[in-house]
């Protein structure tokens, strides 16, 4: 009797870590930095990089494994992924491969009575999507930071970039930047790491748009100007105005009624309300790029 967990420990992990360590080295990280990100000793990293750890060819040549190690190396090297988030993604990958991938095949070879297409574990870890959404917001923030004139486009009350999970219903399902984005000495300042449940207004606009029929997953807000709205429309976006003084969901729903896909919502101000433009998109980087194109 051989458990699939034995294959994970004895064959998958050494191969996976070796591939990931090599990928991080290719991206310019030192052995010390690699050890820090992977939670390994520097000596272990050296062995992985110099081929002193045996790899299982069937795992190393698997397209899914290669794709995941590439994505993780990119994310860990750029900072888009934290080590904890990389761990969650790896856990999900292991469960996925156990349910019908290369790990299931190796297990079936070790235990011929098993059907490799019959999963030995339950549902996938739901944490995976939360990791991907936070990673997406980080990428979007990098796009905004690189935009010319972004500091001048930040409302006095601050801005934010938000993205939600697929089945979002409340602001707890939306990732944004705690404390909002603000401008300081001509630069965009991101005060903290993206987190769930920290945005009220941008998340509220995004959720209201989704309730009105939009399939957008992300939104970014910037200071209103008619020139910006015109530029967004010229770039192919559909812009509609909503009533800043009305209840948000009702106002957005009314603005989106009987219209095709709306991906720019704006309000020109109200009593104690600053005029703001909200650009929607399928993900945070796309929404951020839409703004950047009009600012550069």
C-alpha atoms as a PDB file:
ATOM      1  CA  UNK A   1       0.000   0.000   0.000  1.00  0.00           C
ATOM      2  CA  UNK A   2       1.478   3.314  -1.092  1.00  0.00           C
ATOM      3  CA  UNK A   3      -0.295   6.558  -0.258  1.00  0.00           C
ATOM      4  CA  UNK A   4      -0.383   9.344  -2.808  1.00  0.00           C
ATOM      5  CA  UNK A   5       1.069  11.607  -0.108  1.00  0.00           C
ATOM      6  CA  UNK A   6       4.233   9.492  -0.220  1.00  0.00           C
ATOM      7  CA  UNK A   7       4.593  10.280  -3.922  1.00  0.00           C
ATOM      8  CA  UNK A   8       4.103  13.968  -3.159  1.00  0.00           C
ATOM      9  CA  UNK A   9       6.840  13.948  -0.511  1.00  0.00           C
ATOM     10  CA  UNK A  10       9.313  11.622  -2.206  1.00  0.00           C
ATOM     11  CA  UNK A  11       8.931  12.585  -5.870  1.00  0.00           C
ATOM     12  CA  UNK A  12       6.876  15.724  -6.400  1.00  0.00           C
ATOM     13  CA  UNK A  13       8.367  18.074  -3.801  1.00  0.00           C
ATOM     14  CA  UNK A  14      12.052  17.489  -4.665  1.00  0.00           C
ATOM     15  CA  UNK A  15      11.296  17.917  -8.374  1.00  0.00           C
ATOM     16  CA  UNK A  16       9.019  20.910  -7.889  1.00  0.00           C
ATOM     17  CA  UNK A  17      11.413  22.725  -5.553  1.00  0.00           C
ATOM     18  CA  UNK A  18      14.328  22.048  -7.870  1.00  0.00           C
ATOM     19  CA  UNK A  19      12.438  23.503 -10.844  1.00  0.00           C
ATOM     20  CA  UNK A  20      11.259  26.508  -8.843  1.00  0.00           C
ATOM     21  CA  UNK A  21      14.704  27.229  -7.395  1.00  0.00           C
ATOM     22  CA  UNK A  22      16.215  27.075 -10.878  1.00  0.00           C
ATOM     23  CA  UNK A  23      13.506  29.386 -12.189  1.00  0.00           C
ATOM     24  CA  UNK A  24      14.173  31.951  -9.480  1.00  0.00           C
ATOM     25  CA  UNK A  25      17.905  31.828 -10.154  1.00  0.00           C
ATOM     26  CA  UNK A  26      17.212  32.449 -13.852  1.00  0.00           C
ATOM     27  CA  UNK A  27      15.298  35.570 -12.802  1.00  0.00           C
ATOM     28  CA  UNK A  28      18.332  36.956 -11.003  1.00  0.00           C
ATOM     29  CA  UNK A  29      17.676  36.030  -7.373  1.00  0.00           C
ATOM     30  CA  UNK A  30      20.566  35.051  -5.125  1.00  0.00           C
ATOM     31  CA  UNK A  31      20.611  31.746  -3.286  1.00  0.00           C
ATOM     32  CA  UNK A  32      19.908  33.623  -0.055  1.00  0.00           C
ATOM     33  CA  UNK A  33      16.851  35.299  -1.613  1.00  0.00           C
ATOM     34  CA  UNK A  34      15.641  31.988  -3.039  1.00  0.00           C
ATOM     35  CA  UNK A  35      16.024  30.307   0.348  1.00  0.00           C
ATOM     36  CA  UNK A  36      14.013  33.095   1.968  1.00  0.00           C
ATOM     37  CA  UNK A  37      11.154  32.784  -0.522  1.00  0.00           C
ATOM     38  CA  UNK A  38      11.009  28.981  -0.505  1.00  0.00           C
ATOM     39  CA  UNK A  39      11.558  28.488   3.214  1.00  0.00           C
ATOM     40  CA  UNK A  40      14.630  26.327   2.616  1.00  0.00           C
ATOM     41  CA  UNK A  41      18.199  26.471   3.841  1.00  0.00           C
ATOM     42  CA  UNK A  42      20.738  28.065   1.524  1.00  0.00           C
ATOM     43  CA  UNK A  43      22.533  24.715   1.413  1.00  0.00           C
ATOM     44  CA  UNK A  44      19.361  22.994   0.188  1.00  0.00           C
ATOM     45  CA  UNK A  45      18.864  25.674  -2.458  1.00  0.00           C
ATOM     46  CA  UNK A  46      22.427  25.148  -3.673  1.00  0.00           C
ATOM     47  CA  UNK A  47      21.791  21.416  -4.054  1.00  0.00           C
ATOM     48  CA  UNK A  48      18.585  22.048  -5.993  1.00  0.00           C
ATOM     49  CA  UNK A  49      20.253  24.530  -8.331  1.00  0.00           C
ATOM     50  CA  UNK A  50      23.332  22.391  -8.982  1.00  0.00           C
ATOM     51  CA  UNK A  51      21.374  19.247  -9.789  1.00  0.00           C
ATOM     52  CA  UNK A  52      22.279  17.341  -6.648  1.00  0.00           C
ATOM     53  CA  UNK A  53      18.609  16.554  -6.018  1.00  0.00           C
ATOM     54  CA  UNK A  54      17.106  13.891  -8.274  1.00  0.00           C
ATOM     55  CA  UNK A  55      14.083  14.892 -10.320  1.00  0.00           C
ATOM     56  CA  UNK A  56      11.270  12.599 -11.406  1.00  0.00           C
ATOM     57  CA  UNK A  57      11.209  12.995 -15.182  1.00  0.00           C
ATOM     58  CA  UNK A  58       7.473  12.356 -15.493  1.00  0.00           C
ATOM     59  CA  UNK A  59       6.801  15.258 -13.121  1.00  0.00           C
ATOM     60  CA  UNK A  60       9.464  17.587 -14.532  1.00  0.00           C
ATOM     61  CA  UNK A  61       8.152  17.135 -18.079  1.00  0.00           C
ATOM     62  CA  UNK A  62       4.489  17.618 -17.143  1.00  0.00           C
ATOM     63  CA  UNK A  63       3.057  20.734 -18.829  1.00  0.00           C
ATOM     64  CA  UNK A  64       0.917  21.675 -15.832  1.00  0.00           C
ATOM     65  CA  UNK A  65       3.892  21.466 -13.471  1.00  0.00           C
ATOM     66  CA  UNK A  66       6.053  23.490 -15.847  1.00  0.00           C
ATOM     67  CA  UNK A  67       3.364  26.152 -16.183  1.00  0.00           C
ATOM     68  CA  UNK A  68       2.858  26.479 -12.429  1.00  0.00           C
ATOM     69  CA  UNK A  69       6.565  26.670 -11.618  1.00  0.00           C
ATOM     70  CA  UNK A  70       6.982  29.374 -14.267  1.00  0.00           C
ATOM     71  CA  UNK A  71       4.068  31.394 -12.867  1.00  0.00           C
ATOM     72  CA  UNK A  72       5.302  31.009  -9.297  1.00  0.00           C
ATOM     73  CA  UNK A  73       8.843  31.992 -10.227  1.00  0.00           C
ATOM     74  CA  UNK A  74       7.517  35.081 -12.019  1.00  0.00           C
ATOM     75  CA  UNK A  75       5.302  36.031  -9.083  1.00  0.00           C
ATOM     76  CA  UNK A  76       7.880  35.437  -6.352  1.00  0.00           C
ATOM     77  CA  UNK A  77      10.605  37.253  -8.273  1.00  0.00           C
ATOM     78  CA  UNK A  78       8.439  40.289  -9.045  1.00  0.00           C
ATOM     79  CA  UNK A  79       6.754  40.466  -5.654  1.00  0.00           C
ATOM     80  CA  UNK A  80       3.294  39.809  -7.089  1.00  0.00           C
ATOM     81  CA  UNK A  81       3.140  36.671  -4.932  1.00  0.00           C
ATOM     82  CA  UNK A  82       4.070  36.366  -1.287  1.00  0.00           C
ATOM     83  CA  UNK A  83       5.603  33.069  -0.110  1.00  0.00           C
ATOM     84  CA  UNK A  84       2.334  32.248   1.663  1.00  0.00           C
ATOM     85  CA  UNK A  85       0.331  32.842  -1.496  1.00  0.00           C
ATOM     86  CA  UNK A  86       2.788  30.705  -3.459  1.00  0.00           C
ATOM     87  CA  UNK A  87       2.245  27.972  -0.876  1.00  0.00           C
ATOM     88  CA  UNK A  88      -1.525  28.146  -1.379  1.00  0.00           C
ATOM     89  CA  UNK A  89      -1.111  27.941  -5.152  1.00  0.00           C
ATOM     90  CA  UNK A  90       1.211  24.953  -4.754  1.00  0.00           C
ATOM     91  CA  UNK A  91      -1.247  23.202  -2.437  1.00  0.00           C
ATOM     92  CA  UNK A  92      -3.977  23.696  -5.019  1.00  0.00           C
ATOM     93  CA  UNK A  93      -1.737  22.349  -7.770  1.00  0.00           C
ATOM     94  CA  UNK A  94      -0.937  19.244  -5.748  1.00  0.00           C
ATOM     95  CA  UNK A  95      -4.636  18.570  -5.127  1.00  0.00           C
ATOM     96  CA  UNK A  96      -5.375  19.152  -8.812  1.00  0.00           C
ATOM     97  CA  UNK A  97      -2.658  16.733  -9.916  1.00  0.00           C
ATOM     98  CA  UNK A  98      -3.878  14.180  -7.392  1.00  0.00           C
ATOM     99  CA  UNK A  99      -7.356  14.327  -8.881  1.00  0.00           C
ATOM    100  CA  UNK A 100      -6.392  13.421 -12.422  1.00  0.00           C
ATOM    101  CA  UNK A 101      -2.924  14.689 -13.282  1.00  0.00           C
ATOM    102  CA  UNK A 102       0.584  13.346 -13.135  1.00  0.00           C
ATOM    103  CA  UNK A 103       0.373  12.485  -9.422  1.00  0.00           C
ATOM    104  CA  UNK A 104      -2.736  10.396 -10.035  1.00  0.00           C
ATOM    105  CA  UNK A 105      -0.910   8.628 -12.869  1.00  0.00           C
ATOM    106  CA  UNK A 106       2.116   7.867 -10.693  1.00  0.00           C
ATOM    107  CA  UNK A 107      -0.160   6.665  -7.910  1.00  0.00           C
ATOM    108  CA  UNK A 108      -2.054   4.409 -10.306  1.00  0.00           C
ATOM    109  CA  UNK A 109       1.245   2.972 -11.521  1.00  0.00           C
ATOM    110  CA  UNK A 110       2.223   2.232  -7.914  1.00  0.00           C
ATOM    111  CA  UNK A 111      -1.239   0.864  -7.087  1.00  0.00           C
ATOM    112  CA  UNK A 112      -2.591  -0.667 -10.342  1.00  0.00           C
ATOM    113  CA  UNK A 113      -6.028  -1.254  -8.849  1.00  0.00           C
ATOM    114  CA  UNK A 114      -6.620   2.510  -8.767  1.00  0.00           C
ATOM    115  CA  UNK A 115      -8.270   4.440 -11.597  1.00  0.00           C
ATOM    116  CA  UNK A 116      -6.092   7.539 -12.287  1.00  0.00           C
ATOM    117  CA  UNK A 117      -9.228   9.490 -13.227  1.00  0.00           C
ATOM    118  CA  UNK A 118     -10.876   8.767  -9.876  1.00  0.00           C
ATOM    119  CA  UNK A 119      -9.926  11.485  -7.364  1.00  0.00           C
ATOM    120  CA  UNK A 120      -8.640  10.471  -3.953  1.00  0.00           C
ATOM    121  CA  UNK A 121      -9.185  13.956  -2.521  1.00  0.00           C
ATOM    122  CA  UNK A 122     -12.154  16.268  -2.308  1.00  0.00           C
ATOM    123  CA  UNK A 123     -12.838  19.737  -3.671  1.00  0.00           C
ATOM    124  CA  UNK A 124     -10.073  22.186  -4.520  1.00  0.00           C
ATOM    125  CA  UNK A 125      -8.879  24.705  -2.007  1.00  0.00           C
ATOM    126  CA  UNK A 126     -10.998  27.852  -2.365  1.00  0.00           C
ATOM    127  CA  UNK A 127      -8.098  29.981  -1.187  1.00  0.00           C
ATOM    128  CA  UNK A 128      -6.591  29.810  -4.649  1.00  0.00           C
ATOM    129  CA  UNK A 129      -8.866  32.440  -6.151  1.00  0.00           C
ATOM    130  CA  UNK A 130      -8.230  34.855  -3.296  1.00  0.00           C
ATOM    131  CA  UNK A 131      -4.515  34.582  -4.010  1.00  0.00           C
ATOM    132  CA  UNK A 132      -5.038  35.238  -7.706  1.00  0.00           C
ATOM    133  CA  UNK A 133      -7.206  38.297  -7.057  1.00  0.00           C
ATOM    134  CA  UNK A 134      -4.663  39.874  -4.697  1.00  0.00           C
ATOM    135  CA  UNK A 135      -1.922  39.137  -7.210  1.00  0.00           C
ATOM    136  CA  UNK A 136      -3.977  40.759  -9.961  1.00  0.00           C
ATOM    137  CA  UNK A 137      -4.475  43.926  -7.899  1.00  0.00           C
ATOM    138  CA  UNK A 138      -0.725  44.141  -7.268  1.00  0.00           C
ATOM    139  CA  UNK A 139      -0.129  43.966 -11.015  1.00  0.00           C
ATOM    140  CA  UNK A 140      -2.703  46.666 -11.595  1.00  0.00           C
ATOM    141  CA  UNK A 141      -1.008  48.900  -9.044  1.00  0.00           C
ATOM    142  CA  UNK A 142       2.273  48.567 -10.926  1.00  0.00           C
ATOM    143  CA  UNK A 143       0.502  49.721 -14.082  1.00  0.00           C
ATOM    144  CA  UNK A 144      -0.883  52.776 -12.288  1.00  0.00           C
ATOM    145  CA  UNK A 145       2.478  53.655 -10.755  1.00  0.00           C
ATOM    146  CA  UNK A 146       4.005  53.701 -14.236  1.00  0.00           C
ATOM    147  CA  UNK A 147       1.348  56.022 -15.682  1.00  0.00           C
ATOM    148  CA  UNK A 148       2.441  59.553 -16.534  1.00  0.00           C
ATOM    149  CA  UNK A 149       0.442  62.121 -14.616  1.00  0.00           C
ATOM    150  CA  UNK A 150      -1.191  59.597 -12.301  1.00  0.00           C
ATOM    151  CA  UNK A 151      -0.515  61.777  -9.253  1.00  0.00           C
ATOM    152  CA  UNK A 152      -2.574  64.566 -10.787  1.00  0.00           C
ATOM    153  CA  UNK A 153      -5.441  62.166 -11.449  1.00  0.00           C
ATOM    154  CA  UNK A 154      -5.911  61.152  -7.815  1.00  0.00           C
ATOM    155  CA  UNK A 155      -9.049  62.656  -6.224  1.00  0.00           C
ATOM    156  CA  UNK A 156      -8.601  64.716  -3.064  1.00  0.00           C
ATOM    157  CA  UNK A 157     -10.319  61.942  -1.109  1.00  0.00           C
ATOM    158  CA  UNK A 158      -7.913  59.365  -2.536  1.00  0.00           C
ATOM    159  CA  UNK A 159      -8.298  56.654  -5.151  1.00  0.00           C
ATOM    160  CA  UNK A 160      -8.449  52.889  -5.139  1.00  0.00           C
ATOM    161  CA  UNK A 161      -8.111  49.868  -7.370  1.00  0.00           C
ATOM    162  CA  UNK A 162     -10.371  46.915  -6.635  1.00  0.00           C
ATOM    163  CA  UNK A 163     -11.029  43.428  -7.953  1.00  0.00           C
ATOM    164  CA  UNK A 164     -13.557  40.858  -6.791  1.00  0.00           C
ATOM    165  CA  UNK A 165     -13.823  37.090  -6.777  1.00  0.00           C
ATOM    166  CA  UNK A 166     -16.059  35.460  -9.371  1.00  0.00           C
ATOM    167  CA  UNK A 167     -19.146  35.092  -7.176  1.00  0.00           C
ATOM    168  CA  UNK A 168     -18.758  38.353  -5.248  1.00  0.00           C
ATOM    169  CA  UNK A 169     -21.776  39.554  -3.289  1.00  0.00           C
ATOM    170  CA  UNK A 170     -20.408  41.904  -0.622  1.00  0.00           C
ATOM    171  CA  UNK A 171     -17.379  44.123  -0.094  1.00  0.00           C
ATOM    172  CA  UNK A 172     -15.808  41.239   1.826  1.00  0.00           C
ATOM    173  CA  UNK A 173     -15.427  39.563  -1.580  1.00  0.00           C
ATOM    174  CA  UNK A 174     -13.512  42.519  -3.038  1.00  0.00           C
ATOM    175  CA  UNK A 175      -9.766  43.181  -2.781  1.00  0.00           C
ATOM    176  CA  UNK A 176      -8.546  46.779  -2.661  1.00  0.00           C
ATOM    177  CA  UNK A 177      -5.865  48.899  -0.996  1.00  0.00           C
ATOM    178  CA  UNK A 178      -6.407  49.724   2.689  1.00  0.00           C
ATOM    179  CA  UNK A 179      -6.368  53.450   3.329  1.00  0.00           C
ATOM    180  CA  UNK A 180      -6.743  54.264  -0.383  1.00  0.00           C
ATOM    181  CA  UNK A 181      -4.151  55.446  -2.884  1.00  0.00           C
ATOM    182  CA  UNK A 182      -2.890  59.002  -2.601  1.00  0.00           C
ATOM    183  CA  UNK A 183      -0.391  61.315  -4.259  1.00  0.00           C
ATOM    184  CA  UNK A 184       2.732  62.611  -2.556  1.00  0.00           C
ATOM    185  CA  UNK A 185       5.364  64.766  -4.257  1.00  0.00           C
ATOM    186  CA  UNK A 186       4.181  63.747  -7.681  1.00  0.00           C
ATOM    187  CA  UNK A 187       4.156  60.022  -6.938  1.00  0.00           C
ATOM    188  CA  UNK A 188       1.422  57.483  -6.368  1.00  0.00           C
ATOM    189  CA  UNK A 189       1.611  56.103  -2.832  1.00  0.00           C
ATOM    190  CA  UNK A 190       0.265  52.646  -2.001  1.00  0.00           C
ATOM    191  CA  UNK A 191       0.024  52.605   1.810  1.00  0.00           C
ATOM    192  CA  UNK A 192      -0.517  48.892   2.370  1.00  0.00           C
ATOM    193  CA  UNK A 193      -0.885  45.464   0.800  1.00  0.00           C
ATOM    194  CA  UNK A 194      -4.145  44.695  -1.054  1.00  0.00           C
ATOM    195  CA  UNK A 195      -6.717  43.040   1.193  1.00  0.00           C
ATOM    196  CA  UNK A 196     -10.326  41.906   1.214  1.00  0.00           C
ATOM    197  CA  UNK A 197     -13.113  44.017   2.660  1.00  0.00           C
ATOM    198  CA  UNK A 198     -11.241  47.311   2.939  1.00  0.00           C
ATOM    199  CA  UNK A 199     -12.978  49.340   0.221  1.00  0.00           C
ATOM    200  CA  UNK A 200     -16.422  50.797   0.652  1.00  0.00           C
ATOM    201  CA  UNK A 201     -17.024  53.066  -2.300  1.00  0.00           C
ATOM    202  CA  UNK A 202     -15.018  51.634  -5.206  1.00  0.00           C
ATOM    203  CA  UNK A 203     -16.070  48.136  -4.194  1.00  0.00           C
ATOM    204  CA  UNK A 204     -19.629  49.421  -3.902  1.00  0.00           C
ATOM    205  CA  UNK A 205     -19.579  50.830  -7.435  1.00  0.00           C
ATOM    206  CA  UNK A 206     -18.119  47.588  -8.792  1.00  0.00           C
ATOM    207  CA  UNK A 207     -20.728  45.451  -7.039  1.00  0.00           C
ATOM    208  CA  UNK A 208     -23.533  47.792  -8.115  1.00  0.00           C
ATOM    209  CA  UNK A 209     -22.379  47.570 -11.736  1.00  0.00           C
ATOM    210  CA  UNK A 210     -22.309  43.783 -11.513  1.00  0.00           C
ATOM    211  CA  UNK A 211     -25.826  43.736 -10.074  1.00  0.00           C
ATOM    212  CA  UNK A 212     -26.881  45.893 -13.023  1.00  0.00           C
ATOM    213  CA  UNK A 213     -25.595  43.250 -15.435  1.00  0.00           C
ATOM    214  CA  UNK A 214     -21.907  44.049 -15.874  1.00  0.00           C
ATOM    215  CA  UNK A 215     -19.471  41.147 -15.906  1.00  0.00           C
ATOM    216  CA  UNK A 216     -16.620  43.411 -14.746  1.00  0.00           C
ATOM    217  CA  UNK A 217     -14.387  42.035 -12.033  1.00  0.00           C
ATOM    218  CA  UNK A 218     -12.378  45.201 -11.350  1.00  0.00           C
ATOM    219  CA  UNK A 219     -12.685  48.967 -10.998  1.00  0.00           C
ATOM    220  CA  UNK A 220     -10.357  51.911 -10.515  1.00  0.00           C
ATOM    221  CA  UNK A 221     -11.396  55.440  -9.594  1.00  0.00           C
ATOM    222  CA  UNK A 222      -9.690  58.661 -10.651  1.00  0.00           C
ATOM    223  CA  UNK A 223     -10.533  62.349 -10.530  1.00  0.00           C
ATOM    224  CA  UNK A 224     -13.268  63.439 -12.921  1.00  0.00           C
ATOM    225  CA  UNK A 225     -12.676  65.649 -15.904  1.00  0.00           C
ATOM    226  CA  UNK A 226     -14.744  65.879 -19.045  1.00  0.00           C
ATOM    227  CA  UNK A 227     -11.536  65.535 -21.045  1.00  0.00           C
ATOM    228  CA  UNK A 228     -10.819  62.179 -19.407  1.00  0.00           C
ATOM    229  CA  UNK A 229     -14.354  60.937 -20.069  1.00  0.00           C
ATOM    230  CA  UNK A 230     -14.029  62.044 -23.702  1.00  0.00           C
ATOM    231  CA  UNK A 231     -10.660  60.300 -24.035  1.00  0.00           C
ATOM    232  CA  UNK A 232     -12.069  57.086 -22.604  1.00  0.00           C
ATOM    233  CA  UNK A 233     -15.017  57.258 -25.001  1.00  0.00           C
ATOM    234  CA  UNK A 234     -12.650  57.900 -27.907  1.00  0.00           C
ATOM    235  CA  UNK A 235     -10.695  54.811 -26.864  1.00  0.00           C
ATOM    236  CA  UNK A 236     -13.832  52.718 -27.299  1.00  0.00           C
ATOM    237  CA  UNK A 237     -15.265  52.711 -23.794  1.00  0.00           C
ATOM    238  CA  UNK A 238     -18.938  53.214 -23.025  1.00  0.00           C
ATOM    239  CA  UNK A 239     -19.279  55.967 -20.433  1.00  0.00           C
ATOM    240  CA  UNK A 240     -22.445  56.841 -18.525  1.00  0.00           C
ATOM    241  CA  UNK A 241     -23.138  59.306 -15.749  1.00  0.00           C
ATOM    242  CA  UNK A 242     -24.901  58.378 -12.521  1.00  0.00           C
ATOM    243  CA  UNK A 243     -26.471  60.492  -9.797  1.00  0.00           C
ATOM    244  CA  UNK A 244     -23.985  61.024  -6.974  1.00  0.00           C
ATOM    245  CA  UNK A 245     -26.724  62.041  -4.532  1.00  0.00           C
ATOM    246  CA  UNK A 246     -28.878  58.944  -5.058  1.00  0.00           C
ATOM    247  CA  UNK A 247     -28.498  55.540  -3.392  1.00  0.00           C
ATOM    248  CA  UNK A 248     -25.513  53.916  -5.106  1.00  0.00           C
ATOM    249  CA  UNK A 249     -26.975  50.638  -6.359  1.00  0.00           C
ATOM    250  CA  UNK A 250     -30.135  52.324  -7.628  1.00  0.00           C
ATOM    251  CA  UNK A 251     -28.154  55.125  -9.281  1.00  0.00           C
ATOM    252  CA  UNK A 252     -25.785  52.759 -11.082  1.00  0.00           C
ATOM    253  CA  UNK A 253     -28.637  50.472 -12.105  1.00  0.00           C
ATOM    254  CA  UNK A 254     -30.547  53.408 -13.585  1.00  0.00           C
ATOM    255  CA  UNK A 255     -27.465  54.633 -15.440  1.00  0.00           C
ATOM    256  CA  UNK A 256     -26.783  51.214 -16.947  1.00  0.00           C
ATOM    257  CA  UNK A 257     -30.390  50.451 -17.900  1.00  0.00           C
ATOM    258  CA  UNK A 258     -31.082  49.785 -21.588  1.00  0.00           C
ATOM    259  CA  UNK A 259     -27.448  50.260 -22.540  1.00  0.00           C
ATOM    260  CA  UNK A 260     -24.877  47.890 -23.999  1.00  0.00           C
ATOM    261  CA  UNK A 261     -21.762  47.047 -22.032  1.00  0.00           C
ATOM    262  CA  UNK A 262     -20.909  49.961 -19.744  1.00  0.00           C
ATOM    263  CA  UNK A 263     -17.292  50.113 -18.616  1.00  0.00           C
ATOM    264  CA  UNK A 264     -16.970  53.724 -17.454  1.00  0.00           C
ATOM    265  CA  UNK A 265     -19.200  55.213 -14.771  1.00  0.00           C
ATOM    266  CA  UNK A 266     -18.818  58.773 -13.574  1.00  0.00           C
ATOM    267  CA  UNK A 267     -20.507  61.359 -11.430  1.00  0.00           C
ATOM    268  CA  UNK A 268     -19.927  65.096 -11.603  1.00  0.00           C
ATOM    269  CA  UNK A 269     -20.288  65.719  -7.901  1.00  0.00           C
ATOM    270  CA  UNK A 270     -22.977  66.447  -5.376  1.00  0.00           C
ATOM    271  CA  UNK A 271     -23.377  67.950  -1.939  1.00  0.00           C
ATOM    272  CA  UNK A 272     -20.029  67.235  -0.271  1.00  0.00           C
ATOM    273  CA  UNK A 273     -19.191  64.699  -2.983  1.00  0.00           C
ATOM    274  CA  UNK A 274     -16.116  65.003  -5.190  1.00  0.00           C
ATOM    275  CA  UNK A 275     -16.549  64.254  -8.927  1.00  0.00           C
ATOM    276  CA  UNK A 276     -15.032  60.861  -9.784  1.00  0.00           C
ATOM    277  CA  UNK A 277     -14.640  58.537 -12.770  1.00  0.00           C
ATOM    278  CA  UNK A 278     -14.782  54.753 -12.297  1.00  0.00           C
ATOM    279  CA  UNK A 279     -13.202  52.617 -15.002  1.00  0.00           C
ATOM    280  CA  UNK A 280     -14.300  48.979 -15.029  1.00  0.00           C
ATOM    281  CA  UNK A 281     -12.505  45.989 -16.479  1.00  0.00           C
ATOM    282  CA  UNK A 282     -12.258  42.195 -16.433  1.00  0.00           C
ATOM    283  CA  UNK A 283      -9.319  42.455 -14.028  1.00  0.00           C
ATOM    284  CA  UNK A 284      -7.310  45.090 -12.197  1.00  0.00           C
ATOM    285  CA  UNK A 285      -4.414  45.374 -14.691  1.00  0.00           C
ATOM    286  CA  UNK A 286      -6.841  45.888 -17.588  1.00  0.00           C
ATOM    287  CA  UNK A 287      -8.767  48.604 -15.754  1.00  0.00           C
ATOM    288  CA  UNK A 288      -5.493  50.284 -14.793  1.00  0.00           C
ATOM    289  CA  UNK A 289      -4.200  50.149 -18.371  1.00  0.00           C
ATOM    290  CA  UNK A 290      -7.367  51.846 -19.607  1.00  0.00           C
ATOM    291  CA  UNK A 291      -6.611  54.767 -17.299  1.00  0.00           C
ATOM    292  CA  UNK A 292      -2.927  54.792 -18.146  1.00  0.00           C
ATOM    293  CA  UNK A 293      -3.577  55.009 -21.898  1.00  0.00           C
ATOM    294  CA  UNK A 294      -5.544  58.205 -21.364  1.00  0.00           C
ATOM    295  CA  UNK A 295      -2.932  59.743 -19.071  1.00  0.00           C
ATOM    296  CA  UNK A 296       0.265  58.908 -20.964  1.00  0.00           C
END
